[in-house]
């Protein structure tokens, strides 16, 4: 019976020193060299929805069931319609 030779495992995540950090380059520079410009742009591009210039504030609010049902029964966009109604009210009452 032969014994299998066990090799020393390679360290997949070595500790970086000052020399490694000095040689490091941003992904925007390295990826086009490795994969080409087209593939690198797909990898680097930001994901998800773009940031809004006027983000909304999440809020927990208690609404009577009949009012909520009235808005939801109008279909998709009920939160936007409710927001618009609150804005109109605030403007008409000098709050804005």
PDB file of N, CA and C in Angstrom:
ATOM      1  N   UNK A   1       0.845  -1.173   0.000  1.00  0.00           N
ATOM      2  CA  UNK A   1       0.000   0.000   0.000  1.00  0.00           C
ATOM      3  C   UNK A   1       0.899   1.248   0.000  1.00  0.00           C
ATOM      4  N   UNK A   2       0.611   2.174  -0.911  1.00  0.00           N
ATOM      5  CA  UNK A   2       1.427   3.383  -0.978  1.00  0.00           C
ATOM      6  C   UNK A   2       0.785   4.502  -0.181  1.00  0.00           C
ATOM      7  N   UNK A   3       1.627   5.299   0.383  1.00  0.00           N
ATOM      8  CA  UNK A   3       1.127   6.441   1.151  1.00  0.00           C
ATOM      9  C   UNK A   3       1.035   7.651   0.242  1.00  0.00           C
ATOM     10  N   UNK A   4      -0.058   8.397   0.407  1.00  0.00           N
ATOM     11  CA  UNK A   4      -0.216   9.616  -0.381  1.00  0.00           C
ATOM     12  C   UNK A   4       0.639  10.711   0.230  1.00  0.00           C
ATOM     13  N   UNK A   5       1.267  11.471  -0.656  1.00  0.00           N
ATOM     14  CA  UNK A   5       2.102  12.566  -0.195  1.00  0.00           C
ATOM     15  C   UNK A   5       1.193  13.768   0.078  1.00  0.00           C
ATOM     16  N   UNK A   6       1.253  14.292   1.262  1.00  0.00           N
ATOM     17  CA  UNK A   6       0.441  15.437   1.648  1.00  0.00           C
ATOM     18  C   UNK A   6       1.284  16.686   1.484  1.00  0.00           C
ATOM     19  N   UNK A   7       0.814  17.583   0.631  1.00  0.00           N
ATOM     20  CA  UNK A   7       1.563  18.824   0.441  1.00  0.00           C
ATOM     21  C   UNK A   7       1.072  19.876   1.435  1.00  0.00           C
ATOM     22  N   UNK A   8       1.934  20.826   1.685  1.00  0.00           N
ATOM     23  CA  UNK A   8       1.591  21.900   2.604  1.00  0.00           C
ATOM     24  C   UNK A   8       0.509  22.773   1.961  1.00  0.00           C
ATOM     25  N   UNK A   9      -0.596  23.026   2.662  1.00  0.00           N
ATOM     26  CA  UNK A   9      -1.670  23.826   2.059  1.00  0.00           C
ATOM     27  C   UNK A   9      -1.223  25.263   1.820  1.00  0.00           C
ATOM     28  N   UNK A  10      -1.706  25.828   0.718  1.00  0.00           N
ATOM     29  CA  UNK A  10      -1.372  27.206   0.378  1.00  0.00           C
ATOM     30  C   UNK A  10      -2.284  28.145   1.156  1.00  0.00           C
ATOM     31  N   UNK A  11      -1.726  29.236   1.615  1.00  0.00           N
ATOM     32  CA  UNK A  11      -2.507  30.210   2.366  1.00  0.00           C
ATOM     33  C   UNK A  11      -3.317  31.046   1.379  1.00  0.00           C
ATOM     34  N   UNK A  12      -4.635  30.901   1.371  1.00  0.00           N
ATOM     35  CA  UNK A  12      -5.500  31.618   0.437  1.00  0.00           C
ATOM     36  C   UNK A  12      -5.647  33.085   0.783  1.00  0.00           C
ATOM     37  N   UNK A  13      -5.339  33.443   2.014  1.00  0.00           N
ATOM     38  CA  UNK A  13      -5.536  34.818   2.442  1.00  0.00           C
ATOM     39  C   UNK A  13      -4.334  35.278   3.270  1.00  0.00           C
ATOM     40  N   UNK A  14      -3.209  35.541   2.591  1.00  0.00           N
ATOM     41  CA  UNK A  14      -2.021  35.929   3.348  1.00  0.00           C
ATOM     42  C   UNK A  14      -2.167  37.332   3.924  1.00  0.00           C
ATOM     43  N   UNK A  15      -1.416  37.592   4.967  1.00  0.00           N
ATOM     44  CA  UNK A  15      -1.413  38.910   5.599  1.00  0.00           C
ATOM     45  C   UNK A  15      -0.608  39.855   4.722  1.00  0.00           C
ATOM     46  N   UNK A  16      -1.162  41.033   4.478  1.00  0.00           N
ATOM     47  CA  UNK A  16      -0.468  42.035   3.662  1.00  0.00           C
ATOM     48  C   UNK A  16       0.426  42.896   4.527  1.00  0.00           C
ATOM     49  N   UNK A  17       1.581  43.192   3.982  1.00  0.00           N
ATOM     50  CA  UNK A  17       2.497  44.110   4.642  1.00  0.00           C
ATOM     51  C   UNK A  17       2.534  45.429   3.893  1.00  0.00           C
ATOM     52  N   UNK A  18       3.456  46.296   4.275  1.00  0.00           N
ATOM     53  CA  UNK A  18       3.574  47.621   3.650  1.00  0.00           C
ATOM     54  C   UNK A  18       3.898  47.505   2.165  1.00  0.00           C
ATOM     55  N   UNK A  19       4.716  46.535   1.780  1.00  0.00           N
ATOM     56  CA  UNK A  19       5.108  46.376   0.374  1.00  0.00           C
ATOM     57  C   UNK A  19       3.896  46.021  -0.495  1.00  0.00           C
ATOM     58  N   UNK A  20       3.046  45.129  -0.005  1.00  0.00           N
ATOM     59  CA  UNK A  20       1.851  44.738  -0.774  1.00  0.00           C
ATOM     60  C   UNK A  20       0.881  45.909  -0.920  1.00  0.00           C
ATOM     61  N   UNK A  21       0.702  46.675   0.139  1.00  0.00           N
ATOM     62  CA  UNK A  21      -0.184  47.835   0.068  1.00  0.00           C
ATOM     63  C   UNK A  21       0.374  48.896  -0.880  1.00  0.00           C
ATOM     64  N   UNK A  22       1.697  49.041  -0.932  1.00  0.00           N
ATOM     65  CA  UNK A  22       2.315  50.022  -1.823  1.00  0.00           C
ATOM     66  C   UNK A  22       2.107  49.645  -3.290  1.00  0.00           C
ATOM     67  N   UNK A  23       2.081  48.340  -3.595  1.00  0.00           N
ATOM     68  CA  UNK A  23       1.876  47.869  -4.971  1.00  0.00           C
ATOM     69  C   UNK A  23       0.412  47.813  -5.375  1.00  0.00           C
ATOM     70  N   UNK A  24      -0.490  47.865  -4.432  1.00  0.00           N
ATOM     71  CA  UNK A  24      -1.919  47.700  -4.713  1.00  0.00           C
ATOM     72  C   UNK A  24      -2.435  48.829  -5.605  1.00  0.00           C
ATOM     73  N   UNK A  25      -3.377  48.477  -6.491  1.00  0.00           N
ATOM     74  CA  UNK A  25      -4.007  49.457  -7.382  1.00  0.00           C
ATOM     75  C   UNK A  25      -5.517  49.297  -7.309  1.00  0.00           C
ATOM     76  N   UNK A  26      -6.259  50.339  -7.610  1.00  0.00           N
ATOM     77  CA  UNK A  26      -7.718  50.250  -7.577  1.00  0.00           C
ATOM     78  C   UNK A  26      -8.247  49.294  -8.646  1.00  0.00           C
ATOM     79  N   UNK A  27      -9.397  48.719  -8.376  1.00  0.00           N
ATOM     80  CA  UNK A  27     -10.020  47.782  -9.312  1.00  0.00           C
ATOM     81  C   UNK A  27     -10.280  48.440 -10.662  1.00  0.00           C
ATOM     82  N   UNK A  28     -10.584  49.743 -10.676  1.00  0.00           N
ATOM     83  CA  UNK A  28     -10.861  50.446 -11.924  1.00  0.00           C
ATOM     84  C   UNK A  28      -9.665  50.405 -12.872  1.00  0.00           C
ATOM     85  N   UNK A  29      -8.448  50.283 -12.320  1.00  0.00           N
ATOM     86  CA  UNK A  29      -7.246  50.203 -13.148  1.00  0.00           C
ATOM     87  C   UNK A  29      -6.921  48.764 -13.543  1.00  0.00           C
ATOM     88  N   UNK A  30      -7.131  47.827 -12.638  1.00  0.00           N
ATOM     89  CA  UNK A  30      -6.693  46.450 -12.840  1.00  0.00           C
ATOM     90  C   UNK A  30      -7.671  45.646 -13.706  1.00  0.00           C
ATOM     91  N   UNK A  31      -8.962  45.785 -13.478  1.00  0.00           N
ATOM     92  CA  UNK A  31      -9.937  44.947 -14.171  1.00  0.00           C
ATOM     93  C   UNK A  31      -9.917  45.095 -15.692  1.00  0.00           C
ATOM     94  N   UNK A  32      -9.777  46.311 -16.260  1.00  0.00           N
ATOM     95  CA  UNK A  32      -9.698  46.386 -17.724  1.00  0.00           C
ATOM     96  C   UNK A  32      -8.498  45.615 -18.295  1.00  0.00           C
ATOM     97  N   UNK A  33      -7.388  45.585 -17.569  1.00  0.00           N
ATOM     98  CA  UNK A  33      -6.216  44.830 -18.021  1.00  0.00           C
ATOM     99  C   UNK A  33      -6.497  43.335 -17.993  1.00  0.00           C
ATOM    100  N   UNK A  34      -7.220  42.879 -16.986  1.00  0.00           N
ATOM    101  CA  UNK A  34      -7.478  41.454 -16.830  1.00  0.00           C
ATOM    102  C   UNK A  34      -8.596  40.934 -17.732  1.00  0.00           C
ATOM    103  N   UNK A  35      -9.690  41.705 -17.855  1.00  0.00           N
ATOM    104  CA  UNK A  35     -10.882  41.204 -18.528  1.00  0.00           C
ATOM    105  C   UNK A  35     -11.273  41.980 -19.774  1.00  0.00           C
ATOM    106  N   UNK A  36     -10.659  43.109 -20.035  1.00  0.00           N
ATOM    107  CA  UNK A  36     -11.056  43.960 -21.142  1.00  0.00           C
ATOM    108  C   UNK A  36     -11.987  45.060 -20.645  1.00  0.00           C
ATOM    109  N   UNK A  37     -12.052  46.131 -21.433  1.00  0.00           N
ATOM    110  CA  UNK A  37     -12.798  47.318 -21.005  1.00  0.00           C
ATOM    111  C   UNK A  37     -14.296  47.044 -20.849  1.00  0.00           C
ATOM    112  N   UNK A  38     -14.904  46.320 -21.794  1.00  0.00           N
ATOM    113  CA  UNK A  38     -16.359  46.084 -21.762  1.00  0.00           C
ATOM    114  C   UNK A  38     -16.784  45.290 -20.524  1.00  0.00           C
ATOM    115  N   UNK A  39     -16.058  44.217 -20.239  1.00  0.00           N
ATOM    116  CA  UNK A  39     -16.400  43.379 -19.087  1.00  0.00           C
ATOM    117  C   UNK A  39     -16.133  44.141 -17.793  1.00  0.00           C
ATOM    118  N   UNK A  40     -15.039  44.898 -17.747  1.00  0.00           N
ATOM    119  CA  UNK A  40     -14.691  45.649 -16.535  1.00  0.00           C
ATOM    120  C   UNK A  40     -15.766  46.679 -16.213  1.00  0.00           C
ATOM    121  N   UNK A  41     -16.322  47.342 -17.228  1.00  0.00           N
ATOM    122  CA  UNK A  41     -17.379  48.332 -16.983  1.00  0.00           C
ATOM    123  C   UNK A  41     -18.614  47.677 -16.378  1.00  0.00           C
ATOM    124  N   UNK A  42     -18.929  46.457 -16.800  1.00  0.00           N
ATOM    125  CA  UNK A  42     -20.079  45.743 -16.235  1.00  0.00           C
ATOM    126  C   UNK A  42     -19.836  45.355 -14.778  1.00  0.00           C
ATOM    127  N   UNK A  43     -18.589  45.011 -14.459  1.00  0.00           N
ATOM    128  CA  UNK A  43     -18.257  44.605 -13.094  1.00  0.00           C
ATOM    129  C   UNK A  43     -18.234  45.808 -12.160  1.00  0.00           C
ATOM    130  N   UNK A  44     -17.680  46.930 -12.631  1.00  0.00           N
ATOM    131  CA  UNK A  44     -17.447  48.095 -11.783  1.00  0.00           C
ATOM    132  C   UNK A  44     -18.689  48.957 -11.600  1.00  0.00           C
ATOM    133  N   UNK A  45     -19.608  48.937 -12.563  1.00  0.00           N
ATOM    134  CA  UNK A  45     -20.751  49.857 -12.511  1.00  0.00           C
ATOM    135  C   UNK A  45     -21.531  49.709 -11.204  1.00  0.00           C
ATOM    136  N   UNK A  46     -22.074  50.809 -10.713  1.00  0.00           N
ATOM    137  CA  UNK A  46     -22.843  50.740  -9.467  1.00  0.00           C
ATOM    138  C   UNK A  46     -24.116  49.927  -9.658  1.00  0.00           C
ATOM    139  N   UNK A  47     -24.514  49.240  -8.638  1.00  0.00           N
ATOM    140  CA  UNK A  47     -25.696  48.389  -8.683  1.00  0.00           C
ATOM    141  C   UNK A  47     -26.891  49.103  -8.068  1.00  0.00           C
ATOM    142  N   UNK A  48     -28.070  48.649  -8.431  1.00  0.00           N
ATOM    143  CA  UNK A  48     -29.282  49.118  -7.791  1.00  0.00           C
ATOM    144  C   UNK A  48     -29.806  50.427  -8.349  1.00  0.00           C
ATOM    145  N   UNK A  49     -30.790  50.926  -7.675  1.00  0.00           N
ATOM    146  CA  UNK A  49     -31.472  52.152  -8.069  1.00  0.00           C
ATOM    147  C   UNK A  49     -30.588  53.356  -7.769  1.00  0.00           C
ATOM    148  N   UNK A  50     -30.584  54.363  -8.664  1.00  0.00           N
ATOM    149  CA  UNK A  50     -29.782  55.562  -8.388  1.00  0.00           C
ATOM    150  C   UNK A  50     -30.279  56.290  -7.142  1.00  0.00           C
ATOM    151  N   UNK A  51     -29.372  56.948  -6.455  1.00  0.00           N
ATOM    152  CA  UNK A  51     -29.738  57.699  -5.261  1.00  0.00           C
ATOM    153  C   UNK A  51     -30.633  58.874  -5.642  1.00  0.00           C
ATOM    154  N   UNK A  52     -31.690  59.076  -4.879  1.00  0.00           N
ATOM    155  CA  UNK A  52     -32.621  60.161  -5.127  1.00  0.00           C
ATOM    156  C   UNK A  52     -32.048  61.474  -4.597  1.00  0.00           C
ATOM    157  N   UNK A  53     -32.289  62.547  -5.335  1.00  0.00           N
ATOM    158  CA  UNK A  53     -31.841  63.852  -4.862  1.00  0.00           C
ATOM    159  C   UNK A  53     -32.754  64.365  -3.748  1.00  0.00           C
ATOM    160  N   UNK A  54     -33.943  63.785  -3.649  1.00  0.00           N
ATOM    161  CA  UNK A  54     -34.909  64.181  -2.628  1.00  0.00           C
ATOM    162  C   UNK A  54     -35.497  62.913  -1.992  1.00  0.00           C
ATOM    163  N   UNK A  55     -34.712  62.199  -1.175  1.00  0.00           N
ATOM    164  CA  UNK A  55     -35.193  60.930  -0.626  1.00  0.00           C
ATOM    165  C   UNK A  55     -36.348  61.129   0.361  1.00  0.00           C
ATOM    166  N   UNK A  56     -37.219  60.134   0.404  1.00  0.00           N
ATOM    167  CA  UNK A  56     -38.346  60.186   1.341  1.00  0.00           C
ATOM    168  C   UNK A  56     -37.925  59.609   2.687  1.00  0.00           C
ATOM    169  N   UNK A  57     -38.627  60.023   3.723  1.00  0.00           N
ATOM    170  CA  UNK A  57     -38.335  59.576   5.073  1.00  0.00           C
ATOM    171  C   UNK A  57     -39.270  58.429   5.436  1.00  0.00           C
ATOM    172  N   UNK A  58     -38.720  57.262   5.809  1.00  0.00           N
ATOM    173  CA  UNK A  58     -39.592  56.177   6.246  1.00  0.00           C
ATOM    174  C   UNK A  58     -40.288  56.569   7.546  1.00  0.00           C
ATOM    175  N   UNK A  59     -41.557  56.208   7.655  1.00  0.00           N
ATOM    176  CA  UNK A  59     -42.349  56.633   8.794  1.00  0.00           C
ATOM    177  C   UNK A  59     -43.368  55.551   9.136  1.00  0.00           C
ATOM    178  N   UNK A  60     -43.529  55.296  10.401  1.00  0.00           N
ATOM    179  CA  UNK A  60     -44.569  54.379  10.845  1.00  0.00           C
ATOM    180  C   UNK A  60     -45.731  55.237  11.310  1.00  0.00           C
ATOM    181  N   UNK A  61     -46.879  55.058  10.677  1.00  0.00           N
ATOM    182  CA  UNK A  61     -48.036  55.903  10.963  1.00  0.00           C
ATOM    183  C   UNK A  61     -49.270  55.013  11.080  1.00  0.00           C
ATOM    184  N   UNK A  62     -50.180  55.403  11.923  1.00  0.00           N
ATOM    185  CA  UNK A  62     -51.409  54.632  12.117  1.00  0.00           C
ATOM    186  C   UNK A  62     -52.543  55.335  11.369  1.00  0.00           C
ATOM    187  N   UNK A  63     -53.156  54.624  10.445  1.00  0.00           N
ATOM    188  CA  UNK A  63     -54.236  55.145   9.602  1.00  0.00           C
ATOM    189  C   UNK A  63     -55.479  54.295   9.857  1.00  0.00           C
ATOM    190  N   UNK A  64     -56.628  54.946   9.914  1.00  0.00           N
ATOM    191  CA  UNK A  64     -57.879  54.200  10.062  1.00  0.00           C
ATOM    192  C   UNK A  64     -58.037  53.219   8.903  1.00  0.00           C
ATOM    193  N   UNK A  65     -58.571  52.021   9.182  1.00  0.00           N
ATOM    194  CA  UNK A  65     -58.687  51.000   8.144  1.00  0.00           C
ATOM    195  C   UNK A  65     -59.502  51.444   6.927  1.00  0.00           C
ATOM    196  N   UNK A  66     -60.574  52.217   7.148  1.00  0.00           N
ATOM    197  CA  UNK A  66     -61.401  52.616   6.012  1.00  0.00           C
ATOM    198  C   UNK A  66     -60.666  53.581   5.086  1.00  0.00           C
ATOM    199  N   UNK A  67     -59.831  54.458   5.651  1.00  0.00           N
ATOM    200  CA  UNK A  67     -59.053  55.395   4.837  1.00  0.00           C
ATOM    201  C   UNK A  67     -58.002  54.618   4.042  1.00  0.00           C
ATOM    202  N   UNK A  68     -57.324  53.709   4.707  1.00  0.00           N
ATOM    203  CA  UNK A  68     -56.304  52.910   4.043  1.00  0.00           C
ATOM    204  C   UNK A  68     -56.914  52.071   2.927  1.00  0.00           C
ATOM    205  N   UNK A  69     -58.057  51.463   3.185  1.00  0.00           N
ATOM    206  CA  UNK A  69     -58.732  50.653   2.174  1.00  0.00           C
ATOM    207  C   UNK A  69     -59.126  51.497   0.965  1.00  0.00           C
ATOM    208  N   UNK A  70     -59.570  52.728   1.217  1.00  0.00           N
ATOM    209  CA  UNK A  70     -59.956  53.615   0.116  1.00  0.00           C
ATOM    210  C   UNK A  70     -58.764  53.900  -0.795  1.00  0.00           C
ATOM    211  N   UNK A  71     -57.597  54.153  -0.228  1.00  0.00           N
ATOM    212  CA  UNK A  71     -56.413  54.420  -1.049  1.00  0.00           C
ATOM    213  C   UNK A  71     -55.923  53.151  -1.742  1.00  0.00           C
ATOM    214  N   UNK A  72     -55.869  52.036  -1.012  1.00  0.00           N
ATOM    215  CA  UNK A  72     -55.377  50.791  -1.591  1.00  0.00           C
ATOM    216  C   UNK A  72     -56.306  50.270  -2.684  1.00  0.00           C
ATOM    217  N   UNK A  73     -57.601  50.531  -2.567  1.00  0.00           N
ATOM    218  CA  UNK A  73     -58.556  50.031  -3.561  1.00  0.00           C
ATOM    219  C   UNK A  73     -58.366  50.711  -4.922  1.00  0.00           C
ATOM    220  N   UNK A  74     -57.650  51.838  -4.949  1.00  0.00           N
ATOM    221  CA  UNK A  74     -57.376  52.528  -6.212  1.00  0.00           C
ATOM    222  C   UNK A  74     -56.205  51.895  -6.962  1.00  0.00           C
ATOM    223  N   UNK A  75     -55.550  50.921  -6.348  1.00  0.00           N
ATOM    224  CA  UNK A  75     -54.475  50.186  -7.020  1.00  0.00           C
ATOM    225  C   UNK A  75     -53.090  50.710  -6.679  1.00  0.00           C
ATOM    226  N   UNK A  76     -52.143  50.271  -7.508  1.00  0.00           N
ATOM    227  CA  UNK A  76     -50.742  50.654  -7.292  1.00  0.00           C
ATOM    228  C   UNK A  76     -50.588  52.171  -7.279  1.00  0.00           C
ATOM    229  N   UNK A  77     -49.655  52.639  -6.486  1.00  0.00           N
ATOM    230  CA  UNK A  77     -49.409  54.063  -6.362  1.00  0.00           C
ATOM    231  C   UNK A  77     -50.198  54.709  -5.245  1.00  0.00           C
ATOM    232  N   UNK A  78     -50.815  53.889  -4.390  1.00  0.00           N
ATOM    233  CA  UNK A  78     -51.659  54.454  -3.330  1.00  0.00           C
ATOM    234  C   UNK A  78     -50.833  55.270  -2.336  1.00  0.00           C
ATOM    235  N   UNK A  79     -49.591  54.874  -2.084  1.00  0.00           N
ATOM    236  CA  UNK A  79     -48.769  55.638  -1.147  1.00  0.00           C
ATOM    237  C   UNK A  79     -48.420  57.010  -1.723  1.00  0.00           C
ATOM    238  N   UNK A  80     -48.161  57.065  -3.015  1.00  0.00           N
ATOM    239  CA  UNK A  80     -47.868  58.341  -3.665  1.00  0.00           C
ATOM    240  C   UNK A  80     -49.095  59.245  -3.629  1.00  0.00           C
ATOM    241  N   UNK A  81     -50.281  58.666  -3.885  1.00  0.00           N
ATOM    242  CA  UNK A  81     -51.509  59.466  -3.829  1.00  0.00           C
ATOM    243  C   UNK A  81     -51.772  59.980  -2.419  1.00  0.00           C
ATOM    244  N   UNK A  82     -51.504  59.162  -1.421  1.00  0.00           N
ATOM    245  CA  UNK A  82     -51.688  59.591  -0.034  1.00  0.00           C
ATOM    246  C   UNK A  82     -50.693  60.707   0.295  1.00  0.00           C
ATOM    247  N   UNK A  83     -49.459  60.581  -0.163  1.00  0.00           N
ATOM    248  CA  UNK A  83     -48.443  61.611   0.042  1.00  0.00           C
ATOM    249  C   UNK A  83     -48.876  62.922  -0.614  1.00  0.00           C
ATOM    250  N   UNK A  84     -49.401  62.836  -1.833  1.00  0.00           N
ATOM    251  CA  UNK A  84     -49.856  64.035  -2.542  1.00  0.00           C
ATOM    252  C   UNK A  84     -51.014  64.708  -1.813  1.00  0.00           C
ATOM    253  N   UNK A  85     -51.930  63.904  -1.274  1.00  0.00           N
ATOM    254  CA  UNK A  85     -53.072  64.465  -0.540  1.00  0.00           C
ATOM    255  C   UNK A  85     -52.603  65.183   0.731  1.00  0.00           C
ATOM    256  N   UNK A  86     -51.633  64.596   1.425  1.00  0.00           N
ATOM    257  CA  UNK A  86     -51.083  65.240   2.627  1.00  0.00           C
ATOM    258  C   UNK A  86     -50.353  66.528   2.266  1.00  0.00           C
ATOM    259  N   UNK A  87     -49.630  66.522   1.151  1.00  0.00           N
ATOM    260  CA  UNK A  87     -48.933  67.728   0.703  1.00  0.00           C
ATOM    261  C   UNK A  87     -49.933  68.834   0.370  1.00  0.00           C
ATOM    262  N   UNK A  88     -50.995  68.488  -0.380  1.00  0.00           N
ATOM    263  CA  UNK A  88     -52.025  69.474  -0.732  1.00  0.00           C
ATOM    264  C   UNK A  88     -52.663  70.078   0.512  1.00  0.00           C
ATOM    265  N   UNK A  89     -52.944  69.227   1.496  1.00  0.00           N
ATOM    266  CA  UNK A  89     -53.540  69.707   2.736  1.00  0.00           C
ATOM    267  C   UNK A  89     -52.595  70.680   3.452  1.00  0.00           C
ATOM    268  N   UNK A  90     -51.318  70.284   3.541  1.00  0.00           N
ATOM    269  CA  UNK A  90     -50.340  71.124   4.234  1.00  0.00           C
ATOM    270  C   UNK A  90     -50.186  72.477   3.531  1.00  0.00           C
ATOM    271  N   UNK A  91     -50.182  72.483   2.212  1.00  0.00           N
ATOM    272  CA  UNK A  91     -50.058  73.744   1.464  1.00  0.00           C
ATOM    273  C   UNK A  91     -51.292  74.617   1.645  1.00  0.00           C
ATOM    274  N   UNK A  92     -52.475  74.012   1.590  1.00  0.00           N
ATOM    275  CA  UNK A  92     -53.710  74.787   1.680  1.00  0.00           C
ATOM    276  C   UNK A  92     -53.943  75.345   3.088  1.00  0.00           C
ATOM    277  N   UNK A  93     -53.269  74.794   4.076  1.00  0.00           N
ATOM    278  CA  UNK A  93     -53.423  75.248   5.462  1.00  0.00           C
ATOM    279  C   UNK A  93     -52.189  76.028   5.946  1.00  0.00           C
ATOM    280  N   UNK A  94     -51.364  76.466   4.995  1.00  0.00           N
ATOM    281  CA  UNK A  94     -50.228  77.317   5.313  1.00  0.00           C
ATOM    282  C   UNK A  94     -49.117  76.620   6.094  1.00  0.00           C
ATOM    283  N   UNK A  95     -49.037  75.337   6.023  1.00  0.00           N
ATOM    284  CA  UNK A  95     -47.986  74.603   6.742  1.00  0.00           C
ATOM    285  C   UNK A  95     -46.705  74.519   5.942  1.00  0.00           C
ATOM    286  N   UNK A  96     -46.787  74.793   4.662  1.00  0.00           N
ATOM    287  CA  UNK A  96     -45.594  74.680   3.797  1.00  0.00           C
ATOM    288  C   UNK A  96     -45.360  75.996   3.086  1.00  0.00           C
TER     289      UNK A  96
END
